[in-house]
């Protein structure tokens, strides 16, 4: 007889598995506040991209220094990042129901 083997313990009876909670038909995945936050985040992202538009020159031989303005280099990317943070928060936030 091999002494290195441990005796097998008796198995406990399986407990009744709880059914997984199911979503009711006709319910949305997110609450009203989640959708409101998603729209706010989308607004911030769109505003950031709109602030980046422009700065070009009509004459290709003339350089326009407006390309490197505070609005395009700093403000617009901050608004876009803030919009993405709001979007992530809106998705992760649990509805109050």
PDB file of N, CA and C in Angstrom:
ATOM      1  N   UNK A   1       0.843  -1.184   0.000  1.00  0.00           N
ATOM      2  CA  UNK A   1       0.000   0.000   0.000  1.00  0.00           C
ATOM      3  C   UNK A   1       0.884   1.242   0.000  1.00  0.00           C
ATOM      4  N   UNK A   2       0.519   2.251  -0.818  1.00  0.00           N
ATOM      5  CA  UNK A   2       1.307   3.478  -0.958  1.00  0.00           C
ATOM      6  C   UNK A   2       0.862   4.482   0.102  1.00  0.00           C
ATOM      7  N   UNK A   3       1.789   4.903   0.985  1.00  0.00           N
ATOM      8  CA  UNK A   3       1.451   5.810   2.081  1.00  0.00           C
ATOM      9  C   UNK A   3       1.463   7.278   1.653  1.00  0.00           C
ATOM     10  N   UNK A   4       1.974   7.590   0.451  1.00  0.00           N
ATOM     11  CA  UNK A   4       2.047   8.981   0.001  1.00  0.00           C
ATOM     12  C   UNK A   4       0.690   9.525  -0.438  1.00  0.00           C
ATOM     13  N   UNK A   5      -0.240   8.629  -0.719  1.00  0.00           N
ATOM     14  CA  UNK A   5      -1.571   9.079  -1.127  1.00  0.00           C
ATOM     15  C   UNK A   5      -2.404   9.423   0.090  1.00  0.00           C
ATOM     16  N   UNK A   6      -3.085  10.563   0.003  1.00  0.00           N
ATOM     17  CA  UNK A   6      -3.957  10.982   1.099  1.00  0.00           C
ATOM     18  C   UNK A   6      -5.343  10.402   0.880  1.00  0.00           C
ATOM     19  N   UNK A   7      -6.024  10.111   1.959  1.00  0.00           N
ATOM     20  CA  UNK A   7      -7.383   9.588   1.798  1.00  0.00           C
ATOM     21  C   UNK A   7      -8.300  10.670   1.229  1.00  0.00           C
ATOM     22  N   UNK A   8      -9.197  10.259   0.399  1.00  0.00           N
ATOM     23  CA  UNK A   8     -10.135  11.184  -0.234  1.00  0.00           C
ATOM     24  C   UNK A   8     -11.262  11.466   0.745  1.00  0.00           C
ATOM     25  N   UNK A   9     -11.503  12.773   0.981  1.00  0.00           N
ATOM     26  CA  UNK A   9     -12.579  13.163   1.893  1.00  0.00           C
ATOM     27  C   UNK A   9     -13.917  12.978   1.199  1.00  0.00           C
ATOM     28  N   UNK A  10     -14.905  12.690   1.990  1.00  0.00           N
ATOM     29  CA  UNK A  10     -16.243  12.502   1.443  1.00  0.00           C
ATOM     30  C   UNK A  10     -16.748  13.836   0.900  1.00  0.00           C
ATOM     31  N   UNK A  11     -17.371  13.804  -0.244  1.00  0.00           N
ATOM     32  CA  UNK A  11     -17.886  15.021  -0.875  1.00  0.00           C
ATOM     33  C   UNK A  11     -19.158  15.466  -0.178  1.00  0.00           C
ATOM     34  N   UNK A  12     -19.252  16.785   0.014  1.00  0.00           N
ATOM     35  CA  UNK A  12     -20.453  17.357   0.607  1.00  0.00           C
ATOM     36  C   UNK A  12     -21.547  17.403  -0.448  1.00  0.00           C
ATOM     37  N   UNK A  13     -22.775  17.287  -0.026  1.00  0.00           N
ATOM     38  CA  UNK A  13     -23.855  17.388  -1.017  1.00  0.00           C
ATOM     39  C   UNK A  13     -23.864  18.781  -1.637  1.00  0.00           C
ATOM     40  N   UNK A  14     -24.096  18.842  -2.916  1.00  0.00           N
ATOM     41  CA  UNK A  14     -24.093  20.109  -3.640  1.00  0.00           C
ATOM     42  C   UNK A  14     -25.231  20.987  -3.151  1.00  0.00           C
ATOM     43  N   UNK A  15     -24.878  22.235  -2.855  1.00  0.00           N
ATOM     44  CA  UNK A  15     -25.903  23.184  -2.435  1.00  0.00           C
ATOM     45  C   UNK A  15     -26.699  23.625  -3.651  1.00  0.00           C
ATOM     46  N   UNK A  16     -27.932  23.969  -3.408  1.00  0.00           N
ATOM     47  CA  UNK A  16     -28.786  24.419  -4.511  1.00  0.00           C
ATOM     48  C   UNK A  16     -28.219  25.721  -5.068  1.00  0.00           C
ATOM     49  N   UNK A  17     -27.905  25.731  -6.339  1.00  0.00           N
ATOM     50  CA  UNK A  17     -27.342  26.911  -6.983  1.00  0.00           C
ATOM     51  C   UNK A  17     -28.424  27.974  -7.134  1.00  0.00           C
ATOM     52  N   UNK A  18     -28.053  29.203  -6.791  1.00  0.00           N
ATOM     53  CA  UNK A  18     -29.007  30.304  -6.929  1.00  0.00           C
ATOM     54  C   UNK A  18     -29.078  30.702  -8.395  1.00  0.00           C
ATOM     55  N   UNK A  19     -30.264  30.920  -8.913  1.00  0.00           N
ATOM     56  CA  UNK A  19     -30.350  31.341 -10.318  1.00  0.00           C
ATOM     57  C   UNK A  19     -29.766  32.738 -10.487  1.00  0.00           C
ATOM     58  N   UNK A  20     -29.117  32.943 -11.605  1.00  0.00           N
ATOM     59  CA  UNK A  20     -28.527  34.244 -11.903  1.00  0.00           C
ATOM     60  C   UNK A  20     -29.637  35.264 -12.124  1.00  0.00           C
ATOM     61  N   UNK A  21     -29.446  36.503 -11.622  1.00  0.00           N
ATOM     62  CA  UNK A  21     -30.474  37.515 -11.846  1.00  0.00           C
ATOM     63  C   UNK A  21     -30.587  37.830 -13.335  1.00  0.00           C
ATOM     64  N   UNK A  22     -31.794  37.866 -13.801  1.00  0.00           N
ATOM     65  CA  UNK A  22     -32.016  38.145 -15.214  1.00  0.00           C
ATOM     66  C   UNK A  22     -32.627  39.528 -15.377  1.00  0.00           C
ATOM     67  N   UNK A  23     -32.310  40.158 -16.477  1.00  0.00           N
ATOM     68  CA  UNK A  23     -32.882  41.468 -16.776  1.00  0.00           C
ATOM     69  C   UNK A  23     -34.313  41.276 -17.253  1.00  0.00           C
ATOM     70  N   UNK A  24     -35.149  42.149 -16.785  1.00  0.00           N
ATOM     71  CA  UNK A  24     -36.547  42.079 -17.206  1.00  0.00           C
ATOM     72  C   UNK A  24     -36.668  42.550 -18.644  1.00  0.00           C
ATOM     73  N   UNK A  25     -37.605  41.980 -19.346  1.00  0.00           N
ATOM     74  CA  UNK A  25     -37.832  42.407 -20.726  1.00  0.00           C
ATOM     75  C   UNK A  25     -38.329  43.842 -20.745  1.00  0.00           C
ATOM     76  N   UNK A  26     -37.808  44.609 -21.668  1.00  0.00           N
ATOM     77  CA  UNK A  26     -38.247  45.990 -21.814  1.00  0.00           C
ATOM     78  C   UNK A  26     -37.450  46.967 -20.977  1.00  0.00           C
ATOM     79  N   UNK A  27     -36.458  46.489 -20.194  1.00  0.00           N
ATOM     80  CA  UNK A  27     -35.636  47.381 -19.389  1.00  0.00           C
ATOM     81  C   UNK A  27     -34.360  47.728 -20.130  1.00  0.00           C
ATOM     82  N   UNK A  28     -33.886  48.941 -19.930  1.00  0.00           N
ATOM     83  CA  UNK A  28     -32.635  49.368 -20.538  1.00  0.00           C
ATOM     84  C   UNK A  28     -31.466  48.903 -19.684  1.00  0.00           C
ATOM     85  N   UNK A  29     -30.286  48.826 -20.292  1.00  0.00           N
ATOM     86  CA  UNK A  29     -29.099  48.372 -19.575  1.00  0.00           C
ATOM     87  C   UNK A  29     -28.625  49.419 -18.569  1.00  0.00           C
ATOM     88  N   UNK A  30     -28.844  50.684 -18.849  1.00  0.00           N
ATOM     89  CA  UNK A  30     -28.398  51.761 -17.985  1.00  0.00           C
ATOM     90  C   UNK A  30     -29.598  52.552 -17.491  1.00  0.00           C
ATOM     91  N   UNK A  31     -29.375  53.299 -16.417  1.00  0.00           N
ATOM     92  CA  UNK A  31     -30.413  54.164 -15.881  1.00  0.00           C
ATOM     93  C   UNK A  31     -30.441  55.512 -16.595  1.00  0.00           C
ATOM     94  N   UNK A  32     -31.398  56.323 -16.199  1.00  0.00           N
ATOM     95  CA  UNK A  32     -31.569  57.635 -16.822  1.00  0.00           C
ATOM     96  C   UNK A  32     -30.330  58.520 -16.619  1.00  0.00           C
ATOM     97  N   UNK A  33     -29.756  58.464 -15.418  1.00  0.00           N
ATOM     98  CA  UNK A  33     -28.586  59.288 -15.123  1.00  0.00           C
ATOM     99  C   UNK A  33     -27.365  58.836 -15.935  1.00  0.00           C
ATOM    100  N   UNK A  34     -27.246  57.524 -16.176  1.00  0.00           N
ATOM    101  CA  UNK A  34     -26.135  57.022 -16.988  1.00  0.00           C
ATOM    102  C   UNK A  34     -26.198  57.599 -18.398  1.00  0.00           C
ATOM    103  N   UNK A  35     -27.373  57.601 -18.987  1.00  0.00           N
ATOM    104  CA  UNK A  35     -27.524  58.136 -20.345  1.00  0.00           C
ATOM    105  C   UNK A  35     -27.264  59.642 -20.378  1.00  0.00           C
ATOM    106  N   UNK A  36     -27.683  60.334 -19.325  1.00  0.00           N
ATOM    107  CA  UNK A  36     -27.436  61.773 -19.260  1.00  0.00           C
ATOM    108  C   UNK A  36     -25.930  62.041 -19.192  1.00  0.00           C
ATOM    109  N   UNK A  37     -25.215  61.269 -18.370  1.00  0.00           N
ATOM    110  CA  UNK A  37     -23.765  61.434 -18.277  1.00  0.00           C
ATOM    111  C   UNK A  37     -23.074  61.077 -19.589  1.00  0.00           C
ATOM    112  N   UNK A  38     -23.586  60.071 -20.295  1.00  0.00           N
ATOM    113  CA  UNK A  38     -23.002  59.701 -21.588  1.00  0.00           C
ATOM    114  C   UNK A  38     -23.156  60.830 -22.598  1.00  0.00           C
ATOM    115  N   UNK A  39     -24.302  61.486 -22.593  1.00  0.00           N
ATOM    116  CA  UNK A  39     -24.509  62.609 -23.506  1.00  0.00           C
ATOM    117  C   UNK A  39     -23.589  63.784 -23.159  1.00  0.00           C
ATOM    118  N   UNK A  40     -23.388  64.025 -21.865  1.00  0.00           N
ATOM    119  CA  UNK A  40     -22.487  65.100 -21.443  1.00  0.00           C
ATOM    120  C   UNK A  40     -21.060  64.781 -21.893  1.00  0.00           C
ATOM    121  N   UNK A  41     -20.633  63.535 -21.713  1.00  0.00           N
ATOM    122  CA  UNK A  41     -19.298  63.130 -22.160  1.00  0.00           C
ATOM    123  C   UNK A  41     -19.143  63.257 -23.659  1.00  0.00           C
ATOM    124  N   UNK A  42     -20.165  62.865 -24.399  1.00  0.00           N
ATOM    125  CA  UNK A  42     -20.131  62.982 -25.855  1.00  0.00           C
ATOM    126  C   UNK A  42     -20.047  64.447 -26.278  1.00  0.00           C
ATOM    127  N   UNK A  43     -20.729  65.321 -25.558  1.00  0.00           N
ATOM    128  CA  UNK A  43     -20.669  66.753 -25.837  1.00  0.00           C
ATOM    129  C   UNK A  43     -19.250  67.284 -25.635  1.00  0.00           C
ATOM    130  N   UNK A  44     -18.593  66.875 -24.532  1.00  0.00           N
ATOM    131  CA  UNK A  44     -17.223  67.317 -24.266  1.00  0.00           C
ATOM    132  C   UNK A  44     -16.274  66.850 -25.366  1.00  0.00           C
ATOM    133  N   UNK A  45     -16.432  65.603 -25.800  1.00  0.00           N
ATOM    134  CA  UNK A  45     -15.562  65.064 -26.858  1.00  0.00           C
ATOM    135  C   UNK A  45     -15.773  65.833 -28.159  1.00  0.00           C
ATOM    136  N   UNK A  46     -17.027  66.049 -28.534  1.00  0.00           N
ATOM    137  CA  UNK A  46     -17.323  66.772 -29.771  1.00  0.00           C
ATOM    138  C   UNK A  46     -16.803  68.208 -29.704  1.00  0.00           C
ATOM    139  N   UNK A  47     -16.984  68.862 -28.552  1.00  0.00           N
ATOM    140  CA  UNK A  47     -16.504  70.233 -28.394  1.00  0.00           C
ATOM    141  C   UNK A  47     -14.980  70.292 -28.512  1.00  0.00           C
ATOM    142  N   UNK A  48     -14.292  69.315 -27.931  1.00  0.00           N
ATOM    143  CA  UNK A  48     -12.838  69.275 -28.038  1.00  0.00           C
ATOM    144  C   UNK A  48     -12.373  69.136 -29.474  1.00  0.00           C
ATOM    145  N   UNK A  49     -13.022  68.253 -30.237  1.00  0.00           N
ATOM    146  CA  UNK A  49     -12.632  68.092 -31.640  1.00  0.00           C
ATOM    147  C   UNK A  49     -12.983  69.333 -32.458  1.00  0.00           C
ATOM    148  N   UNK A  50     -14.093  69.984 -32.148  1.00  0.00           N
ATOM    149  CA  UNK A  50     -14.441  71.210 -32.869  1.00  0.00           C
ATOM    150  C   UNK A  50     -13.440  72.330 -32.587  1.00  0.00           C
ATOM    151  N   UNK A  51     -12.916  72.372 -31.350  1.00  0.00           N
ATOM    152  CA  UNK A  51     -11.940  73.411 -31.027  1.00  0.00           C
ATOM    153  C   UNK A  51     -10.601  73.181 -31.723  1.00  0.00           C
ATOM    154  N   UNK A  52     -10.343  71.966 -32.164  1.00  0.00           N
ATOM    155  CA  UNK A  52      -9.094  71.690 -32.880  1.00  0.00           C
ATOM    156  C   UNK A  52      -9.156  72.074 -34.350  1.00  0.00           C
ATOM    157  N   UNK A  53     -10.335  72.309 -34.873  1.00  0.00           N
ATOM    158  CA  UNK A  53     -10.503  72.607 -36.298  1.00  0.00           C
ATOM    159  C   UNK A  53      -9.888  73.963 -36.631  1.00  0.00           C
ATOM    160  N   UNK A  54      -9.348  74.070 -37.820  1.00  0.00           N
ATOM    161  CA  UNK A  54      -8.863  75.354 -38.329  1.00  0.00           C
ATOM    162  C   UNK A  54      -7.380  75.540 -38.112  1.00  0.00           C
ATOM    163  N   UNK A  55      -6.943  76.763 -38.314  1.00  0.00           N
ATOM    164  CA  UNK A  55      -5.536  77.095 -38.130  1.00  0.00           C
ATOM    165  C   UNK A  55      -4.709  76.954 -39.389  1.00  0.00           C
ATOM    166  N   UNK A  56      -5.340  76.573 -40.462  1.00  0.00           N
ATOM    167  CA  UNK A  56      -4.620  76.426 -41.719  1.00  0.00           C
ATOM    168  C   UNK A  56      -4.416  77.771 -42.393  1.00  0.00           C
ATOM    169  N   UNK A  57      -3.738  77.732 -43.498  1.00  0.00           N
ATOM    170  CA  UNK A  57      -3.472  78.953 -44.251  1.00  0.00           C
ATOM    171  C   UNK A  57      -3.999  78.775 -45.668  1.00  0.00           C
ATOM    172  N   UNK A  58      -4.502  79.853 -46.251  1.00  0.00           N
ATOM    173  CA  UNK A  58      -4.992  79.791 -47.629  1.00  0.00           C
ATOM    174  C   UNK A  58      -3.827  79.682 -48.614  1.00  0.00           C
ATOM    175  N   UNK A  59      -2.715  80.320 -48.281  1.00  0.00           N
ATOM    176  CA  UNK A  59      -1.526  80.300 -49.139  1.00  0.00           C
ATOM    177  C   UNK A  59      -0.537  79.276 -48.580  1.00  0.00           C
ATOM    178  N   UNK A  60      -0.176  78.242 -49.349  1.00  0.00           N
ATOM    179  CA  UNK A  60       0.724  77.216 -48.819  1.00  0.00           C
ATOM    180  C   UNK A  60       2.140  77.722 -48.515  1.00  0.00           C
ATOM    181  N   UNK A  61       2.499  78.904 -49.035  1.00  0.00           N
ATOM    182  CA  UNK A  61       3.841  79.445 -48.798  1.00  0.00           C
ATOM    183  C   UNK A  61       3.910  80.263 -47.514  1.00  0.00           C
ATOM    184  N   UNK A  62       2.742  80.542 -46.904  1.00  0.00           N
ATOM    185  CA  UNK A  62       2.687  81.357 -45.685  1.00  0.00           C
ATOM    186  C   UNK A  62       2.317  80.451 -44.511  1.00  0.00           C
ATOM    187  N   UNK A  63       3.149  80.489 -43.451  1.00  0.00           N
ATOM    188  CA  UNK A  63       2.881  79.677 -42.267  1.00  0.00           C
ATOM    189  C   UNK A  63       2.002  80.455 -41.304  1.00  0.00           C
ATOM    190  N   UNK A  64       0.950  79.817 -40.791  1.00  0.00           N
ATOM    191  CA  UNK A  64       0.030  80.443 -39.852  1.00  0.00           C
ATOM    192  C   UNK A  64       0.343  79.930 -38.447  1.00  0.00           C
ATOM    193  N   UNK A  65       0.733  80.821 -37.554  1.00  0.00           N
ATOM    194  CA  UNK A  65       1.103  80.438 -36.190  1.00  0.00           C
ATOM    195  C   UNK A  65      -0.109  80.133 -35.316  1.00  0.00           C
ATOM    196  N   UNK A  66      -1.315  80.359 -35.819  1.00  0.00           N
ATOM    197  CA  UNK A  66      -2.516  79.996 -35.057  1.00  0.00           C
ATOM    198  C   UNK A  66      -2.640  78.489 -34.860  1.00  0.00           C
ATOM    199  N   UNK A  67      -1.890  77.748 -35.623  1.00  0.00           N
ATOM    200  CA  UNK A  67      -1.894  76.297 -35.494  1.00  0.00           C
ATOM    201  C   UNK A  67      -1.465  75.869 -34.095  1.00  0.00           C
ATOM    202  N   UNK A  68      -0.587  76.657 -33.464  1.00  0.00           N
ATOM    203  CA  UNK A  68      -0.060  76.313 -32.150  1.00  0.00           C
ATOM    204  C   UNK A  68      -0.684  77.153 -31.043  1.00  0.00           C
ATOM    205  N   UNK A  69      -1.943  77.498 -31.169  1.00  0.00           N
ATOM    206  CA  UNK A  69      -2.592  78.318 -30.150  1.00  0.00           C
ATOM    207  C   UNK A  69      -2.943  77.467 -28.925  1.00  0.00           C
ATOM    208  N   UNK A  70      -3.184  78.145 -27.816  1.00  0.00           N
ATOM    209  CA  UNK A  70      -3.576  77.481 -26.565  1.00  0.00           C
ATOM    210  C   UNK A  70      -4.824  76.636 -26.758  1.00  0.00           C
ATOM    211  N   UNK A  71      -5.745  77.150 -27.542  1.00  0.00           N
ATOM    212  CA  UNK A  71      -7.015  76.451 -27.768  1.00  0.00           C
ATOM    213  C   UNK A  71      -6.801  75.081 -28.413  1.00  0.00           C
ATOM    214  N   UNK A  72      -5.911  75.002 -29.391  1.00  0.00           N
ATOM    215  CA  UNK A  72      -5.705  73.745 -30.128  1.00  0.00           C
ATOM    216  C   UNK A  72      -4.738  72.797 -29.430  1.00  0.00           C
ATOM    217  N   UNK A  73      -3.753  73.320 -28.747  1.00  0.00           N
ATOM    218  CA  UNK A  73      -2.708  72.485 -28.160  1.00  0.00           C
ATOM    219  C   UNK A  73      -3.055  72.041 -26.744  1.00  0.00           C
ATOM    220  N   UNK A  74      -3.770  72.843 -25.988  1.00  0.00           N
ATOM    221  CA  UNK A  74      -4.017  72.533 -24.581  1.00  0.00           C
ATOM    222  C   UNK A  74      -5.493  72.303 -24.269  1.00  0.00           C
ATOM    223  N   UNK A  75      -6.322  73.266 -24.597  1.00  0.00           N
ATOM    224  CA  UNK A  75      -7.727  73.209 -24.189  1.00  0.00           C
ATOM    225  C   UNK A  75      -8.485  72.056 -24.843  1.00  0.00           C
ATOM    226  N   UNK A  76      -8.349  71.890 -26.133  1.00  0.00           N
ATOM    227  CA  UNK A  76      -9.096  70.848 -26.847  1.00  0.00           C
ATOM    228  C   UNK A  76      -8.735  69.439 -26.371  1.00  0.00           C
ATOM    229  N   UNK A  77      -7.446  69.085 -26.234  1.00  0.00           N
ATOM    230  CA  UNK A  77      -7.142  67.743 -25.724  1.00  0.00           C
ATOM    231  C   UNK A  77      -7.632  67.503 -24.298  1.00  0.00           C
ATOM    232  N   UNK A  78      -7.595  68.536 -23.455  1.00  0.00           N
ATOM    233  CA  UNK A  78      -8.110  68.382 -22.087  1.00  0.00           C
ATOM    234  C   UNK A  78      -9.603  68.096 -22.117  1.00  0.00           C
ATOM    235  N   UNK A  79     -10.341  68.799 -22.974  1.00  0.00           N
ATOM    236  CA  UNK A  79     -11.782  68.551 -23.076  1.00  0.00           C
ATOM    237  C   UNK A  79     -12.073  67.143 -23.594  1.00  0.00           C
ATOM    238  N   UNK A  80     -11.282  66.670 -24.543  1.00  0.00           N
ATOM    239  CA  UNK A  80     -11.490  65.328 -25.087  1.00  0.00           C
ATOM    240  C   UNK A  80     -11.216  64.281 -24.022  1.00  0.00           C
ATOM    241  N   UNK A  81     -10.119  64.417 -23.295  1.00  0.00           N
ATOM    242  CA  UNK A  81      -9.821  63.467 -22.220  1.00  0.00           C
ATOM    243  C   UNK A  81     -10.884  63.501 -21.128  1.00  0.00           C
ATOM    244  N   UNK A  82     -11.345  64.688 -20.776  1.00  0.00           N
ATOM    245  CA  UNK A  82     -12.410  64.796 -19.779  1.00  0.00           C
ATOM    246  C   UNK A  82     -13.678  64.106 -20.270  1.00  0.00           C
ATOM    247  N   UNK A  83     -13.976  64.239 -21.545  1.00  0.00           N
ATOM    248  CA  UNK A  83     -15.142  63.570 -22.107  1.00  0.00           C
ATOM    249  C   UNK A  83     -15.036  62.063 -22.020  1.00  0.00           C
ATOM    250  N   UNK A  84     -13.854  61.516 -22.302  1.00  0.00           N
ATOM    251  CA  UNK A  84     -13.663  60.066 -22.199  1.00  0.00           C
ATOM    252  C   UNK A  84     -13.751  59.596 -20.747  1.00  0.00           C
ATOM    253  N   UNK A  85     -13.244  60.382 -19.813  1.00  0.00           N
ATOM    254  CA  UNK A  85     -13.357  60.026 -18.390  1.00  0.00           C
ATOM    255  C   UNK A  85     -14.822  60.018 -17.976  1.00  0.00           C
ATOM    256  N   UNK A  86     -15.586  60.996 -18.426  1.00  0.00           N
ATOM    257  CA  UNK A  86     -17.018  61.042 -18.113  1.00  0.00           C
ATOM    258  C   UNK A  86     -17.729  59.840 -18.719  1.00  0.00           C
ATOM    259  N   UNK A  87     -17.361  59.459 -19.929  1.00  0.00           N
ATOM    260  CA  UNK A  87     -17.973  58.293 -20.578  1.00  0.00           C
ATOM    261  C   UNK A  87     -17.698  57.015 -19.780  1.00  0.00           C
ATOM    262  N   UNK A  88     -16.455  56.828 -19.356  1.00  0.00           N
ATOM    263  CA  UNK A  88     -16.110  55.637 -18.574  1.00  0.00           C
ATOM    264  C   UNK A  88     -16.881  55.633 -17.257  1.00  0.00           C
ATOM    265  N   UNK A  89     -16.959  56.786 -16.606  1.00  0.00           N
ATOM    266  CA  UNK A  89     -17.717  56.882 -15.354  1.00  0.00           C
ATOM    267  C   UNK A  89     -19.192  56.568 -15.582  1.00  0.00           C
ATOM    268  N   UNK A  90     -19.748  57.068 -16.679  1.00  0.00           N
ATOM    269  CA  UNK A  90     -21.167  56.829 -16.974  1.00  0.00           C
ATOM    270  C   UNK A  90     -21.441  55.347 -17.203  1.00  0.00           C
ATOM    271  N   UNK A  91     -20.509  54.650 -17.825  1.00  0.00           N
ATOM    272  CA  UNK A  91     -20.701  53.226 -18.081  1.00  0.00           C
ATOM    273  C   UNK A  91     -20.551  52.420 -16.794  1.00  0.00           C
ATOM    274  N   UNK A  92     -19.601  52.786 -15.956  1.00  0.00           N
ATOM    275  CA  UNK A  92     -19.320  52.016 -14.746  1.00  0.00           C
ATOM    276  C   UNK A  92     -20.301  52.285 -13.608  1.00  0.00           C
ATOM    277  N   UNK A  93     -20.961  53.427 -13.613  1.00  0.00           N
ATOM    278  CA  UNK A  93     -21.866  53.807 -12.528  1.00  0.00           C
ATOM    279  C   UNK A  93     -23.076  52.888 -12.505  1.00  0.00           C
ATOM    280  N   UNK A  94     -23.384  52.371 -11.325  1.00  0.00           N
ATOM    281  CA  UNK A  94     -24.544  51.502 -11.184  1.00  0.00           C
ATOM    282  C   UNK A  94     -25.815  52.329 -11.089  1.00  0.00           C
ATOM    283  N   UNK A  95     -26.879  51.903 -11.757  1.00  0.00           N
ATOM    284  CA  UNK A  95     -28.139  52.634 -11.619  1.00  0.00           C
ATOM    285  C   UNK A  95     -28.676  52.522 -10.199  1.00  0.00           C
ATOM    286  N   UNK A  96     -29.462  53.475  -9.783  1.00  0.00           N
ATOM    287  CA  UNK A  96     -29.981  53.508  -8.414  1.00  0.00           C
ATOM    288  C   UNK A  96     -31.104  52.508  -8.168  1.00  0.00           C
ATOM    289  N   UNK A  97     -31.566  51.833  -9.181  1.00  0.00           N
ATOM    290  CA  UNK A  97     -32.675  50.886  -9.023  1.00  0.00           C
ATOM    291  C   UNK A  97     -32.266  49.762  -8.174  1.00  0.00           C
TER     292      UNK A  97
END
